[in-house]
Amino acid sequence: QVQLVESGGGLVRTGGSLRLSCAASGDTASIRSMAWYRQTSGNEREVVATITVAAGHTNYDNAVKGRFTISRDNALNTAYLQMNNLKPEDTAVYYCYMTNGFSAYWGQGTQVTVSA
């Protein structure tokens, strides 16, 4: 089992920045990849960015490419999402996700609100 605790959400103005963190505990040695998803009311959860633990390969949704950066600190078992040049359409609940290839683990979600 893996437990995830997120932090770093909040309210920011358009053009501002936020950094989300996701700390994992438990069977962290089994984690193979990490990701950040986001969800707005009435919509499905969508992937924002992914990163592999071993090689650090990343992928981004086109809507955030060039503005968001996903990273991980393997020693701390923590994933990060640096969000720059935030836009009102980035407003959502952001969820951390990790997987060992067999099981999926989710954080509790953190609200990010970008005001115009």
Protein backbone atom coordinates (compact mmCIF):
# COMPACT_ATOMS: atom_id res chain seq x y z
CA GLN A 1 0.00 0.00 0.00
CA VAL A 2 1.04 3.55 -0.72
CA GLN A 3 -0.37 6.67 0.90
CA LEU A 4 -0.18 10.05 -0.82
CA VAL A 5 -0.45 13.46 0.79
CA GLU A 6 -0.69 16.55 -1.37
CA SER A 7 0.03 20.16 -0.55
CA GLY A 8 0.55 23.48 -2.27
CA GLY A 9 -2.79 24.43 -3.78
CA GLY A 10 -4.40 27.81 -3.32
CA LEU A 11 -5.63 30.99 -4.94
CA VAL A 12 -3.44 32.85 -7.41
CA ARG A 13 -3.93 35.56 -10.02
CA THR A 14 -3.61 35.01 -13.73
CA GLY A 15 0.05 34.76 -14.65
CA GLY A 16 1.06 33.62 -11.20
CA SER A 17 2.76 30.42 -10.09
CA LEU A 18 2.12 27.58 -7.69
CA ARG A 19 4.02 24.45 -6.77
CA LEU A 20 2.19 21.30 -5.79
CA SER A 21 3.85 18.55 -3.79
CA CYS A 22 2.86 14.93 -3.27
CA ALA A 23 4.61 12.95 -0.57
CA ALA A 24 4.35 9.17 -0.69
CA SER A 25 4.70 6.76 2.21
CA GLY A 26 4.36 3.02 2.59
CA ASP A 27 5.57 0.66 -0.13
CA THR A 28 7.30 3.42 -2.07
CA ALA A 29 10.00 1.18 -3.52
CA SER A 30 7.40 -0.36 -5.85
CA ILE A 31 6.36 2.93 -7.48
CA ARG A 32 7.13 3.05 -11.20
CA SER A 33 5.49 6.25 -12.36
CA MET A 34 3.89 9.38 -10.99
CA ALA A 35 1.40 11.77 -12.47
CA TRP A 36 -0.79 14.77 -11.82
CA TYR A 37 -4.43 14.87 -12.87
CA ARG A 38 -7.01 17.59 -12.57
CA GLN A 39 -10.77 17.66 -12.43
CA THR A 40 -13.39 20.37 -12.71
CA SER A 41 -16.99 20.06 -11.60
CA GLY A 42 -19.03 17.89 -13.94
CA ASN A 43 -16.03 16.70 -15.90
CA GLU A 44 -13.85 13.63 -15.88
CA ARG A 45 -10.44 13.62 -14.30
CA GLU A 46 -7.80 14.35 -16.93
CA VAL A 47 -4.08 13.76 -16.93
CA VAL A 48 -1.89 16.85 -16.81
CA ALA A 49 1.62 15.44 -16.64
CA THR A 50 3.40 12.14 -16.06
CA ILE A 51 6.92 11.12 -15.09
CA THR A 52 8.67 7.77 -14.79
CA VAL A 53 10.52 7.18 -11.55
CA ALA A 54 13.60 5.44 -12.92
CA ALA A 55 14.44 7.50 -16.01
CA GLY A 56 12.49 10.65 -15.34
CA HIS A 57 10.76 10.63 -18.71
CA THR A 58 7.96 13.18 -18.82
CA ASN A 59 4.82 13.83 -20.81
CA TYR A 60 2.44 16.76 -20.73
CA ASP A 61 -1.04 17.59 -21.86
CA ASN A 62 -0.88 20.12 -24.66
CA ALA A 63 -2.82 22.63 -22.57
CA VAL A 64 0.00 22.91 -20.03
CA LYS A 65 3.07 22.19 -22.12
CA GLY A 66 5.66 24.92 -21.65
CA ARG A 67 4.01 26.22 -18.48
CA PHE A 68 3.97 23.24 -16.10
CA THR A 69 6.89 21.06 -15.04
CA ILE A 70 6.58 17.71 -13.33
CA SER A 71 9.52 16.42 -11.32
CA ARG A 72 10.29 13.88 -8.61
CA ASP A 73 12.68 13.44 -5.77
CA ASN A 74 13.20 9.72 -5.43
CA ALA A 75 15.04 10.05 -2.13
CA LEU A 76 12.08 11.89 -0.61
CA ASN A 77 9.45 9.83 -2.48
CA THR A 78 7.87 13.07 -3.56
CA ALA A 79 6.40 14.33 -6.81
CA TYR A 80 6.11 17.99 -7.71
CA LEU A 81 4.17 20.04 -10.20
CA GLN A 82 5.53 23.52 -10.84
CA MET A 83 2.83 25.60 -12.48
CA ASN A 84 3.80 28.89 -14.09
CA ASN A 85 1.85 31.46 -16.09
CA LEU A 86 -1.38 30.14 -14.64
CA LYS A 87 -4.64 30.83 -16.44
CA PRO A 88 -8.25 30.82 -15.21
CA GLU A 89 -8.84 27.61 -17.19
CA ASP A 90 -6.26 25.88 -14.97
CA THR A 91 -8.70 26.18 -12.07
CA ALA A 92 -9.45 22.66 -10.85
CA VAL A 93 -8.86 20.13 -8.12
CA TYR A 94 -5.45 18.61 -8.74
CA TYR A 95 -4.78 14.99 -7.82
CA CYS A 96 -1.51 13.19 -7.41
CA TYR A 97 -1.34 9.67 -8.84
CA MET A 98 1.26 6.93 -8.47
CA THR A 99 1.36 3.37 -9.69
CA ASN A 100 3.51 0.30 -9.34
CA GLY A 101 2.10 -1.09 -12.57
CA PHE A 102 -0.52 -3.17 -10.74
CA SER A 103 -2.21 -0.82 -8.30
CA ALA A 104 -3.11 2.84 -8.55
CA TYR A 105 -2.86 5.28 -5.67
CA TRP A 106 -4.45 8.72 -5.45
CA GLY A 107 -3.92 11.75 -3.29
CA GLN A 108 -6.79 13.54 -1.60
CA GLY A 109 -6.80 16.40 -4.09
CA THR A 110 -5.87 20.03 -3.69
CA GLN A 111 -7.80 23.01 -5.02
CA VAL A 112 -6.09 25.40 -7.41
CA THR A 113 -8.02 28.55 -8.24
CA VAL A 114 -6.76 31.11 -10.74
CA SER A 115 -8.53 34.47 -10.71
CA ALA A 116 -8.78 36.67 -13.76
